N, C-alpha and C. Protein backbone atom coordinates (compact mmCIF):
# COMPACT_ATOMS: atom_id res chain seq x y z
N MET A 1 103.09 136.92 132.10
CA MET A 1 102.26 137.27 132.68
C MET A 1 102.15 137.09 134.21
N ALA A 2 102.53 135.50 134.50
CA ALA A 2 101.89 135.17 135.82
C ALA A 2 103.37 134.98 136.76
N VAL A 3 104.09 135.76 135.99
CA VAL A 3 105.81 136.05 136.19
C VAL A 3 105.20 137.63 137.18
N GLU A 4 104.94 138.51 136.29
CA GLU A 4 104.08 139.58 136.64
C GLU A 4 103.84 139.96 138.00
N LYS A 5 102.70 138.91 137.81
CA LYS A 5 101.77 138.99 138.19
C LYS A 5 102.25 138.84 140.39
N ALA A 6 102.93 137.22 140.08
CA ALA A 6 103.99 136.79 141.41
C ALA A 6 104.98 138.02 141.70
N LYS A 7 105.68 138.97 141.15
CA LYS A 7 105.99 139.72 141.25
C LYS A 7 105.76 141.20 142.04
N ARG A 8 103.86 141.18 141.49
CA ARG A 8 103.74 142.01 142.48
C ARG A 8 103.36 141.94 143.13
N ALA A 9 102.53 140.52 143.15
CA ALA A 9 101.84 140.25 144.95
C ALA A 9 102.85 140.03 145.75
N VAL A 10 104.56 139.48 145.19
CA VAL A 10 105.14 139.78 146.46
C VAL A 10 105.70 141.29 147.02
N GLU A 11 105.77 141.97 146.26
CA GLU A 11 105.44 143.50 146.99
C GLU A 11 105.15 143.81 147.55
N LEU A 12 103.39 143.96 146.95
CA LEU A 12 102.22 143.86 147.77
C LEU A 12 102.58 143.34 149.31
N ARG A 13 103.19 141.83 149.69
CA ARG A 13 103.33 141.55 150.70
C ARG A 13 104.42 141.86 151.95
N LEU A 14 105.79 142.58 150.82
CA LEU A 14 106.68 142.99 151.74
C LEU A 14 105.94 144.46 152.12
N ILE A 15 105.27 145.19 151.50
CA ILE A 15 104.40 146.23 152.18
C ILE A 15 103.91 145.97 153.63
N ALA A 16 103.50 144.92 153.05
CA ALA A 16 102.44 145.01 154.51
C ALA A 16 103.09 144.31 155.56
N VAL A 17 104.17 143.63 155.00
CA VAL A 17 105.64 142.83 156.60
C VAL A 17 105.99 144.58 156.70
N ARG A 18 106.02 145.34 155.87
CA ARG A 18 107.10 146.37 156.66
C ARG A 18 107.15 146.74 158.23
N ALA A 19 105.56 147.26 158.65
CA ALA A 19 105.40 147.60 159.10
C ALA A 19 105.84 147.02 160.71
N LEU A 20 105.81 145.21 160.02
CA LEU A 20 106.50 144.83 161.56
C LEU A 20 108.33 145.53 162.11
N ALA A 21 109.08 145.67 160.81
CA ALA A 21 110.28 145.37 160.88
C ALA A 21 110.18 146.93 162.10
N ASP A 22 111.52 146.78 163.53
CA ASP A 22 111.09 147.16 164.04
C ASP A 22 113.28 147.82 164.48
N GLY A 23 114.06 147.36 163.95
CA GLY A 23 115.72 146.99 164.33
C GLY A 23 115.72 146.67 164.73
N ASP A 24 115.29 144.99 165.42
CA ASP A 24 115.63 144.51 166.61
C ASP A 24 115.59 143.26 165.87
N GLU A 25 116.57 142.69 165.49
CA GLU A 25 116.45 141.54 164.83
C GLU A 25 115.72 140.72 165.10
N ASP A 26 116.89 140.29 166.92
CA ASP A 26 116.56 139.05 167.13
C ASP A 26 116.04 139.31 169.15
N GLY A 27 115.82 140.31 169.22
CA GLY A 27 115.03 140.39 170.25
C GLY A 27 116.18 140.90 172.00
N GLU A 28 117.36 140.92 170.82
CA GLU A 28 118.54 141.47 172.33
C GLU A 28 119.39 142.14 172.20
N GLY A 29 117.98 143.35 171.58
CA GLY A 29 118.68 145.17 171.45
C GLY A 29 119.89 145.33 170.62
N GLU A 30 119.65 144.28 169.42
CA GLU A 30 120.32 144.85 168.73
C GLU A 30 119.85 146.55 167.74
N SER A 31 120.56 147.60 168.06
CA SER A 31 120.08 148.04 166.92
C SER A 31 120.04 148.51 165.91
N THR A 32 121.02 147.88 164.96
CA THR A 32 121.15 147.74 164.21
C THR A 32 121.48 146.10 163.55
N PRO A 33 119.99 145.55 162.86
CA PRO A 33 119.60 144.11 162.18
C PRO A 33 120.81 143.90 161.08
N MET A 34 121.30 142.69 161.27
CA MET A 34 122.40 141.87 160.26
C MET A 34 120.83 141.24 159.45
N CYS A 35 121.59 140.94 158.05
CA CYS A 35 121.14 140.71 156.51
C CYS A 35 121.82 139.54 157.01
N LYS A 36 120.96 138.23 156.95
CA LYS A 36 121.34 136.97 156.80
C LYS A 36 121.85 136.55 155.19
N VAL A 37 121.23 136.96 154.58
CA VAL A 37 121.59 137.39 153.15
C VAL A 37 122.64 138.35 152.55
N CYS A 38 122.61 138.87 153.27
CA CYS A 38 124.10 140.02 152.49
C CYS A 38 124.80 140.34 153.52
N PHE A 39 124.99 139.55 154.40
CA PHE A 39 126.18 139.89 156.13
C PHE A 39 126.00 141.14 155.93
N CYS A 40 125.14 142.25 156.08
CA CYS A 40 125.94 143.49 156.02
C CYS A 40 124.35 144.69 156.72
N ALA A 41 125.25 145.40 157.48
CA ALA A 41 123.98 146.38 158.06
C ALA A 41 122.45 146.72 158.38
N ILE A 42 121.39 146.56 158.13
CA ILE A 42 120.81 147.57 156.87
C ILE A 42 120.26 148.20 158.66
N PRO A 43 119.93 149.21 157.51
CA PRO A 43 119.00 150.98 158.32
C PRO A 43 117.93 150.57 158.35
N PRO A 44 117.52 151.55 159.08
CA PRO A 44 115.93 150.83 159.58
C PRO A 44 115.04 150.82 158.20
N GLU A 45 115.60 151.58 157.59
CA GLU A 45 114.53 151.96 156.35
C GLU A 45 114.40 151.17 155.72
N ALA A 46 115.14 150.22 155.98
CA ALA A 46 115.76 148.79 154.59
C ALA A 46 114.93 147.68 154.66
N ALA A 47 115.30 147.48 155.94
CA ALA A 47 114.55 146.50 157.16
C ALA A 47 113.56 145.58 156.90
N TYR A 48 113.04 144.99 157.12
CA TYR A 48 111.32 144.58 156.58
C TYR A 48 111.95 142.51 157.50
N ARG A 49 110.47 142.34 158.75
CA ARG A 49 110.69 141.45 159.70
C ARG A 49 109.53 140.63 158.67
N LEU A 50 110.28 139.26 158.57
CA LEU A 50 108.80 138.95 157.84
C LEU A 50 107.98 138.37 159.08
N HIS A 51 106.38 138.18 158.96
CA HIS A 51 105.58 138.42 159.69
C HIS A 51 105.91 137.21 160.27
N SER A 52 106.18 135.59 159.16
CA SER A 52 105.56 134.49 159.62
C SER A 52 106.79 133.50 160.15
N CYS A 53 108.54 134.99 160.03
CA CYS A 53 109.33 133.51 160.91
C CYS A 53 109.84 134.52 161.82
N GLY A 54 109.71 136.10 161.50
CA GLY A 54 110.95 137.17 162.75
C GLY A 54 112.21 137.99 162.36
N HIS A 55 112.60 136.93 160.84
CA HIS A 55 113.08 137.29 161.08
C HIS A 55 113.38 138.62 159.84
N VAL A 56 114.84 139.00 159.76
CA VAL A 56 114.90 140.52 159.60
C VAL A 56 115.63 140.82 157.99
N PHE A 57 115.66 141.58 157.30
CA PHE A 57 116.64 141.50 155.63
C PHE A 57 116.35 142.57 155.54
N ASP A 58 117.81 142.97 154.43
CA ASP A 58 117.29 144.36 153.39
C ASP A 58 116.17 144.17 152.38
N VAL A 59 115.77 144.75 152.32
CA VAL A 59 114.65 144.62 151.64
C VAL A 59 115.02 144.28 149.96
N SER A 60 115.93 144.98 149.54
CA SER A 60 116.52 144.48 147.85
C SER A 60 117.36 142.95 148.05
N CYS A 61 117.55 142.37 149.57
CA CYS A 61 118.08 141.27 149.76
C CYS A 61 116.80 140.46 149.14
N LEU A 62 115.70 140.34 149.48
CA LEU A 62 114.28 139.87 149.80
C LEU A 62 114.15 139.61 149.05
N LYS A 63 113.78 140.50 148.17
CA LYS A 63 113.04 140.59 147.07
C LYS A 63 114.01 139.92 145.96
N ASP A 64 115.29 139.72 145.89
CA ASP A 64 115.89 138.91 145.07
C ASP A 64 116.24 137.46 145.47
N HIS A 65 115.44 137.60 146.31
CA HIS A 65 114.82 135.59 147.00
C HIS A 65 113.56 135.21 146.56
N VAL A 66 113.07 136.24 146.46
CA VAL A 66 111.60 136.30 146.57
C VAL A 66 111.49 136.15 144.38
N ALA A 67 111.97 136.87 143.57
CA ALA A 67 112.15 137.06 142.24
C ALA A 67 112.82 135.66 141.82
N ALA A 68 113.48 135.56 142.70
CA ALA A 68 114.43 133.85 142.17
C ALA A 68 113.62 132.97 141.97
N ALA A 69 112.79 132.84 143.23
CA ALA A 69 111.47 131.93 142.88
C ALA A 69 110.62 132.14 142.79
N ALA A 70 110.28 133.59 142.09
CA ALA A 70 109.16 133.00 140.84
C ALA A 70 109.59 132.95 139.30
N ASP A 71 110.98 133.18 138.73
CA ASP A 71 111.84 133.17 138.27
C ASP A 71 111.96 130.95 137.72
N ARG A 72 111.91 130.79 138.92
CA ARG A 72 111.92 129.39 139.18
C ARG A 72 110.53 128.76 139.25
N ALA A 73 109.53 128.95 139.41
CA ALA A 73 108.12 129.00 138.52
C ALA A 73 107.91 129.17 137.42
N THR A 74 108.60 129.73 137.11
CA THR A 74 108.39 129.87 135.34
C THR A 74 107.98 128.50 134.79
N ARG A 75 109.98 128.74 135.32
CA ARG A 75 110.47 126.97 134.72
C ARG A 75 109.71 125.02 135.42
N GLY A 76 108.39 125.55 135.61
CA GLY A 76 107.64 124.05 136.36
C GLY A 76 108.32 124.27 137.83
N ASP A 77 109.19 124.34 138.58
CA ASP A 77 109.34 124.25 139.58
C ASP A 77 108.19 124.75 140.03
N ALA A 78 107.71 124.27 141.61
CA ALA A 78 106.20 124.70 142.56
C ALA A 78 107.18 125.97 143.78
N LEU A 79 105.60 126.25 143.63
CA LEU A 79 106.26 128.02 145.05
C LEU A 79 105.77 127.05 146.00
N PRO A 80 105.83 127.25 147.06
CA PRO A 80 105.98 128.14 148.25
C PRO A 80 107.38 128.95 148.00
N VAL A 81 107.35 129.83 148.65
CA VAL A 81 108.75 130.59 148.73
C VAL A 81 108.31 130.26 150.48
N CYS A 82 110.05 130.43 150.66
CA CYS A 82 110.37 129.84 152.39
C CYS A 82 111.31 131.18 152.83
N CYS A 83 111.50 131.48 153.92
CA CYS A 83 112.43 132.50 154.21
C CYS A 83 113.38 131.98 153.69
N PRO A 84 114.38 133.23 153.61
CA PRO A 84 115.90 132.80 153.04
C PRO A 84 116.70 132.88 154.09
N PHE A 85 116.21 132.81 155.54
CA PHE A 85 116.90 132.40 156.02
C PHE A 85 117.56 130.87 157.39
N PRO A 86 118.77 130.62 156.17
CA PRO A 86 119.36 129.27 156.28
C PRO A 86 118.68 127.93 157.82
N GLY A 87 118.37 126.94 157.41
CA GLY A 87 117.57 126.04 157.64
C GLY A 87 116.12 126.38 158.37
N ALA A 88 115.84 127.81 157.75
CA ALA A 88 114.13 128.28 157.87
C ALA A 88 113.20 126.83 157.66
N ARG A 89 112.91 126.72 156.68
CA ARG A 89 111.82 126.50 155.81
C ARG A 89 110.71 127.19 156.74
N VAL A 90 110.31 128.12 157.01
CA VAL A 90 109.36 128.73 156.98
C VAL A 90 108.94 129.52 156.48
N LEU A 91 107.47 129.26 156.05
CA LEU A 91 106.96 129.84 154.85
C LEU A 91 106.53 131.19 154.24
N LEU A 92 107.03 132.14 153.30
CA LEU A 92 107.00 133.66 152.98
C LEU A 92 104.91 133.52 153.20
N PHE A 93 104.63 132.49 151.95
CA PHE A 93 103.38 132.65 151.40
C PHE A 93 103.84 130.91 150.77
N ALA A 94 102.64 131.17 150.24
CA ALA A 94 101.69 129.33 149.27
C ALA A 94 101.47 130.39 147.95
């Protein structure tokens, strides 16, 4: 039950940050951002810019990242969930 609540909370937060996706990952004029998880180009409708750090990811990669964190939490590992960008160490939410 706690896992389902955590996943739902993540989905709601992703909906909230979707409005921040603007198709320009790093502010250098890229028209199509590149996901730092799967290294694929992200169509604008599938891009999510994280409010906490500004990194842009494909929504499916971000959901997988958060779901893996929720699964770890069920085994007793602690949340918070951090940005999946290598070395970012910025909290998505605690």
